[in-house]
Protein backbone atom coordinates (compact mmCIF):
# COMPACT_ATOMS: atom_id res chain seq x y z
CA MET A 1 87.99 -122.21 94.66
CA ALA A 2 91.49 -120.79 94.34
CA ARG A 3 93.02 -117.74 92.69
CA ILE A 4 95.60 -118.99 90.16
CA VAL A 5 97.95 -116.84 88.09
CA VAL A 6 99.46 -118.44 84.98
CA VAL A 7 102.50 -116.86 83.30
CA GLY A 8 103.14 -117.79 79.69
CA SER A 9 102.13 -117.46 76.07
CA VAL A 10 98.76 -117.01 74.44
CA ALA A 11 98.62 -117.95 70.77
CA GLN A 12 96.31 -118.18 67.82
CA ASP A 13 96.81 -121.71 66.47
CA GLU A 14 95.92 -122.72 62.94
CA VAL A 15 95.45 -126.48 63.17
CA LEU A 16 95.83 -128.56 60.03
CA GLU A 17 94.68 -132.15 60.44
CA LEU A 18 96.68 -134.13 57.91
CA ALA A 19 95.25 -136.93 55.79
CA GLN A 20 98.65 -138.66 55.62
CA PRO A 21 101.59 -139.05 58.02
CA LEU A 22 104.05 -136.16 58.09
CA ARG A 23 106.97 -137.09 55.84
CA GLU A 24 109.84 -135.03 54.49
CA GLY A 25 109.60 -134.17 50.82
CA ARG A 26 105.94 -135.18 50.37
CA HIS A 27 102.87 -133.28 49.19
CA LEU A 28 100.27 -133.57 51.95
CA GLU A 29 96.53 -132.99 52.10
CA THR A 30 94.44 -131.80 55.01
CA ARG A 31 91.12 -133.32 56.03
CA ARG A 32 90.24 -130.68 58.63
CA ARG A 33 91.30 -127.14 59.40
CA GLU A 34 90.46 -124.87 62.33
CA VAL A 35 91.71 -121.84 64.21
CA ARG A 36 91.76 -122.19 67.99
CA LEU A 37 93.10 -120.68 71.16
CA GLY A 38 96.55 -121.99 72.06
CA GLY A 39 99.79 -121.26 73.90
CA GLY A 40 100.95 -122.71 77.20
CA ALA A 41 99.24 -120.16 79.43
CA ALA A 42 95.85 -120.52 77.72
CA ASN A 43 96.10 -124.31 77.52
CA THR A 44 96.76 -124.49 81.27
CA GLY A 45 94.46 -121.70 82.36
CA LEU A 46 91.32 -122.89 80.59
CA PRO A 47 91.06 -126.33 82.26
CA LEU A 48 91.66 -124.63 85.62
CA ARG A 49 88.88 -122.17 84.84
CA TYR A 50 86.57 -125.03 83.83
CA ALA A 51 87.30 -126.59 87.22
CA GLY A 52 85.92 -123.45 88.87
CA HIS A 53 89.08 -121.54 89.74
CA ASP A 54 89.61 -117.80 89.38
CA VAL A 55 92.33 -117.69 86.71
CA ALA A 56 94.40 -114.70 85.59
CA LEU A 57 96.97 -114.78 82.80
CA VAL A 58 100.22 -112.83 82.65
CA SER A 59 101.04 -112.74 78.97
CA ALA A 60 101.38 -110.49 75.92
CA VAL A 61 99.41 -110.20 72.70
CA GLY A 62 99.86 -107.94 69.72
CA THR A 63 97.86 -104.95 68.56
CA ASP A 64 96.60 -106.83 65.49
CA GLU A 65 93.22 -108.45 64.87
CA ALA A 66 94.54 -111.74 66.24
CA GLY A 67 95.27 -110.01 69.55
CA GLU A 68 91.67 -108.80 69.77
CA TRP A 69 90.44 -112.27 68.91
CA LEU A 70 92.62 -113.85 71.60
CA LEU A 71 91.45 -111.45 74.30
CA ASP A 72 87.80 -111.90 73.34
CA ALA A 73 88.17 -115.69 73.39
CA LEU A 74 89.80 -115.67 76.83
CA ARG A 75 87.24 -113.29 78.32
CA ALA A 76 84.39 -115.37 76.92
CA GLU A 77 85.69 -118.26 79.02
CA GLY A 78 85.89 -116.14 82.16
CA ILE A 79 89.66 -115.71 82.18
CA ASP A 80 91.01 -112.53 83.80
CA THR A 81 93.04 -110.74 81.09
CA GLY A 82 93.86 -107.63 83.11
CA ALA A 83 97.55 -108.57 83.19
CA VAL A 84 97.77 -109.41 79.47
CA LEU A 85 99.93 -106.71 77.92
CA ARG A 86 99.29 -105.28 74.43
CA VAL A 87 102.55 -105.09 72.49
CA SER A 88 102.81 -103.19 69.22
CA GLY A 89 102.88 -105.60 66.30
CA GLU A 90 101.76 -109.17 65.68
CA SER A 91 100.39 -111.64 68.19
CA THR A 92 101.87 -115.07 68.76
CA ARG A 93 100.73 -117.40 65.98
CA SER A 94 101.49 -121.03 65.28
CA VAL A 95 100.66 -123.67 62.70
CA VAL A 96 99.92 -127.06 64.26
CA LEU A 97 100.29 -130.07 61.95
CA LEU A 98 98.29 -132.98 63.33
CA ASP A 99 99.03 -136.36 61.77
CA PRO A 100 96.52 -139.26 61.53
CA GLU A 101 98.00 -140.82 64.70
CA GLY A 102 97.29 -137.69 66.74
CA GLU A 103 100.90 -136.53 67.03
CA ARG A 104 101.44 -132.82 66.51
CA THR A 105 104.23 -130.77 65.00
CA ILE A 106 104.15 -127.08 65.93
CA VAL A 107 105.57 -124.41 63.64
CA ASN A 108 105.97 -121.06 65.42
CA VAL A 109 105.09 -118.38 62.89
CA HIS A 110 105.58 -115.41 65.22
CA ARG A 111 106.24 -114.90 68.93
CA CYS A 112 104.95 -111.80 70.69
CA ARG A 113 107.31 -110.79 73.49
CA GLU A 114 107.33 -107.87 75.86
CA SER A 115 110.58 -105.95 76.26
CA GLY A 116 111.34 -106.94 79.86
CA PRO A 117 110.18 -109.16 82.72
CA PRO A 118 106.46 -108.95 83.64
CA VAL A 119 106.95 -106.89 86.80
CA ARG A 120 103.17 -106.53 87.16
CA LEU A 121 103.35 -110.02 88.64
CA ARG A 122 104.34 -108.35 91.91
CA ASP A 123 100.94 -106.69 92.14
CA LEU A 124 98.92 -109.87 91.72
CA GLY A 125 97.66 -111.89 94.65
CA ALA A 126 97.25 -115.62 94.19
CA ASP A 127 97.11 -118.98 95.94
CA VAL A 128 99.29 -120.45 93.17
CA PHE A 129 101.60 -118.96 90.57
CA TYR A 130 102.32 -121.25 87.62
CA ALA A 131 105.12 -120.31 85.22
CA ARG A 132 104.68 -121.87 81.77
CA SER A 133 107.33 -119.75 80.12
CA ARG A 134 110.88 -120.24 78.91
CA GLU A 135 111.67 -116.56 79.19
CA PRO A 136 114.95 -116.15 81.14
CA GLU A 137 114.01 -113.10 83.23
CA LEU A 138 111.45 -114.65 85.59
CA ALA A 139 113.75 -115.87 88.37
CA GLY A 140 113.58 -112.81 90.61
CA LEU A 141 109.82 -112.44 90.25
CA LEU A 142 109.20 -116.12 91.02
CA ALA A 143 111.47 -115.97 94.08
CA GLU A 144 109.38 -113.07 95.38
CA ALA A 145 106.12 -114.86 94.58
CA ALA A 146 107.32 -117.97 96.44
CA THR A 147 107.38 -116.00 99.70
CA ARG A 148 103.61 -115.48 99.54
CA ALA A 149 102.16 -118.42 97.58
CA LEU A 150 102.83 -121.83 96.07
CA VAL A 151 104.96 -121.56 92.93
CA VAL A 152 104.89 -124.26 90.26
CA ALA A 153 107.19 -123.83 87.27
CA HIS A 154 107.65 -125.63 83.98
CA VAL A 155 111.17 -126.45 82.82
CA PRO A 156 113.23 -125.91 80.67
CA PRO A 157 115.05 -123.60 81.27
CA ILE A 158 117.33 -125.72 83.43
CA THR A 159 120.16 -123.30 84.13
CA PRO A 160 121.07 -122.93 87.83
CA GLY A 161 118.62 -120.68 89.69
CA ALA A 162 116.42 -120.13 86.63
CA ARG A 163 113.13 -121.23 88.21
CA PRO A 164 112.76 -120.69 91.98
CA ALA A 165 109.74 -122.88 92.71
CA HIS A 166 108.26 -125.33 95.16
CA ILE A 167 107.40 -127.74 92.35
CA LEU A 168 109.00 -128.22 88.94
CA VAL A 169 107.09 -129.85 86.08
CA ALA A 170 108.65 -131.12 82.86
CA SER A 171 108.32 -133.59 80.05
CA GLU A 172 111.18 -136.06 80.12
CA SER A 173 111.48 -135.64 76.34
CA ASP A 174 112.50 -131.99 76.92
CA LEU A 175 115.31 -132.82 79.35
CA PRO A 176 118.88 -134.01 78.81
CA ALA A 177 120.03 -137.40 80.06
CA GLU A 178 122.09 -135.89 82.87
CA PHE A 179 119.02 -134.19 84.36
CA LEU A 180 116.97 -137.39 84.17
CA ALA A 181 119.78 -139.40 85.76
CA CYS A 182 119.32 -137.47 89.00
CA PRO A 183 116.15 -135.36 88.78
CA TRP A 184 116.12 -134.30 92.42
CA ALA A 185 119.65 -132.88 92.48
CA SER A 186 119.16 -131.36 89.04
CA GLY A 187 115.88 -129.83 90.11
CA ARG A 188 117.44 -128.33 93.24
CA SER A 189 120.00 -126.61 91.05
CA VAL A 190 117.23 -125.03 88.97
CA ALA A 191 114.71 -124.24 91.76
CA GLY A 192 116.83 -123.76 94.85
CA GLU A 193 116.28 -124.93 98.41
CA ILE A 194 112.54 -124.28 98.40
CA LEU A 195 112.01 -127.17 95.97
CA GLU A 196 109.69 -129.90 97.25
CA TRP A 197 108.99 -132.03 94.16
CA VAL A 198 110.17 -132.61 90.60
CA VAL A 199 107.31 -133.95 88.45
CA LEU A 200 108.09 -135.63 85.12
CA THR A 201 105.59 -136.58 82.43
CA ARG A 202 106.49 -139.69 80.46
CA GLY A 203 103.90 -139.90 77.68
CA ALA A 204 102.19 -143.28 77.44
CA ARG A 205 104.17 -144.41 80.51
CA GLY A 206 102.40 -141.95 82.79
CA ALA A 207 104.29 -139.70 85.18
CA GLU A 208 106.47 -139.70 88.26
CA ALA A 209 107.23 -137.31 91.10
CA VAL A 210 110.56 -137.20 92.90
CA SER A 211 111.37 -135.55 96.23
CA ALA A 212 114.34 -135.76 98.57
CA LYS A 213 112.83 -138.86 100.20
CA GLU A 214 110.19 -140.30 97.86
CA ARG A 215 109.63 -141.42 94.29
CA LEU A 216 106.00 -141.78 93.19
CA ALA A 217 104.62 -143.08 89.90
CA ALA A 218 101.23 -142.98 88.20
CA PRO A 219 100.53 -145.06 85.08
CA ALA A 220 98.63 -143.68 82.11
CA PRO A 221 95.43 -145.38 80.95
CA GLU A 222 95.40 -147.03 77.54
CA LEU A 223 93.45 -144.64 75.33
CA GLY A 224 93.17 -143.88 71.66
CA VAL A 225 95.23 -140.84 70.69
CA VAL A 226 93.23 -138.09 68.98
CA ASP A 227 95.41 -135.02 69.52
CA THR A 228 98.49 -134.66 71.73
CA THR A 229 98.39 -130.84 71.56
CA GLY A 230 98.24 -129.33 75.05
CA ALA A 231 98.36 -132.66 76.88
CA GLY A 232 101.26 -131.52 79.06
CA ASP A 233 99.44 -128.30 79.88
CA ALA A 234 96.29 -130.19 80.87
CA PHE A 235 98.50 -132.42 83.04
CA ALA A 236 99.92 -129.36 84.80
CA ALA A 237 96.43 -127.95 85.29
CA GLY A 238 95.29 -131.16 86.96
CA LEU A 239 98.35 -131.13 89.19
CA VAL A 240 97.81 -127.52 90.29
CA HIS A 241 94.08 -128.08 90.81
CA THR A 242 94.68 -130.96 93.19
CA LEU A 243 97.56 -129.41 95.11
CA VAL A 244 95.73 -126.13 95.69
CA GLY A 245 92.92 -128.21 97.16
CA GLY A 246 95.32 -129.41 99.85
CA GLU A 247 95.76 -132.99 98.64
CA ALA A 248 99.03 -134.93 98.72
CA MET A 249 101.33 -135.40 95.76
CA ALA A 250 100.24 -139.02 95.18
CA SER A 251 96.66 -137.88 94.60
CA ALA A 252 97.79 -134.87 92.55
CA LEU A 253 99.90 -137.07 90.28
CA GLU A 254 96.97 -139.43 89.63
CA THR A 255 94.65 -136.52 88.82
CA ALA A 256 97.23 -134.87 86.58
CA VAL A 257 97.66 -138.04 84.53
CA ALA A 258 93.87 -138.31 84.16
CA TRP A 259 93.61 -134.72 82.91
CA GLY A 260 96.55 -135.14 80.53
CA SER A 261 95.10 -138.38 79.18
CA ALA A 262 91.74 -136.67 78.65
CA ALA A 263 93.52 -134.07 76.52
CA VAL A 264 95.10 -136.78 74.37
CA GLY A 265 91.66 -138.27 73.77
CA THR A 266 90.08 -135.08 72.43
CA ARG A 267 90.84 -132.34 69.95
CA GLY A 268 92.72 -129.58 71.73
CA ILE A 269 92.47 -129.13 75.47
CA PRO A 270 89.68 -130.84 77.44
CA THR A 271 86.35 -129.06 77.21
CA ARG A 272 84.37 -127.73 80.15
CA GLU A 273 82.18 -130.84 80.01
CA VAL A 274 85.19 -133.17 80.04
CA ILE A 275 86.71 -131.41 83.06
CA ARG A 276 83.42 -131.55 84.93
CA GLU A 277 83.19 -135.28 84.27
CA LEU A 278 86.74 -135.75 85.53
CA LEU A 279 85.89 -133.80 88.69
CA ARG A 280 82.86 -136.01 89.24
CA ARG A 281 84.85 -139.23 88.82
CA LEU A 282 88.06 -138.39 90.69
C-alpha cells in the first residue's frame, strides 16, 4: 500500500448526543456522551490506515493530558506520529452537539497551533500529501511537495495561490456562490497550473468532479443519517485511497461517496470493519 502524509488538526472531541433538536434558548438533555478522537487529520488518516496504508500525520498537540491521550490513541491505531509536534499548553478540544437527526454542531473550545509553518514536511517522503488545514502558511511547502508526489488539498482557504495542489476537495456549503459558478477557473486561481481536478461534495446529492474538459457526478445512496461528523473527511480518504491505487477519477469519486456515506451511517468515522467491508464490495 501507499505512504500517505496528512496535514491538519488532531482533536479530543466531547460528543453530546442530544435528546431534542438544537434550538436557541432551550434547555436540552443528552442521551449519550463520549470522548473520541477527532480533527480533520485524524478523521482522514484513520480510514486510510484501516485500508492498509502507511499513514503519518503532520499536526500539533499540547503538553497536557489530552495531548498524551491523543498520541496514545493514534499510535494504538498504527498511525505514525513522529511529525506531530508537542506545543506548550492545551491540545485542540471541541464539543460536538449531535441532534436526533444526526446533524452535528461543533464548538471549538481550544485550538493548538504551532508558531510557524510545519517545515518538517520537507523531510517526509510520501506517495500522497493531503492538506486538511486552513492554516495560511502551507502554500510554499505544498508547492515543493507537488514536485515529488501527488498533492490533494482541502479548501477553504480560497485566496489566490493558497493551495498548490493537483486536486482540490471541498464541500459546496463551505464555498461562496462565485466559486461554485465556475469551479474550474476558481480552483485554478487557488491551486495554480498543476491543478487537475476540483472535487465538490454535495451532501445528500453526492459529489462531482470538474476538470478543464470533464464534469463527473456520483450520486449518494439513500441511507439513514446517524452522525454527519467526519463524513467529508471519510470522503476525502476514499478519494485518496482510490487515486493512489492508480484508478481514474470516475472510480475515485464513486468510492469517495461510498466512504462518506458509510461515515454518515455510523457514529464517528467508519470503523476498521466498515472500511474492510467497503474494500471487499468496491
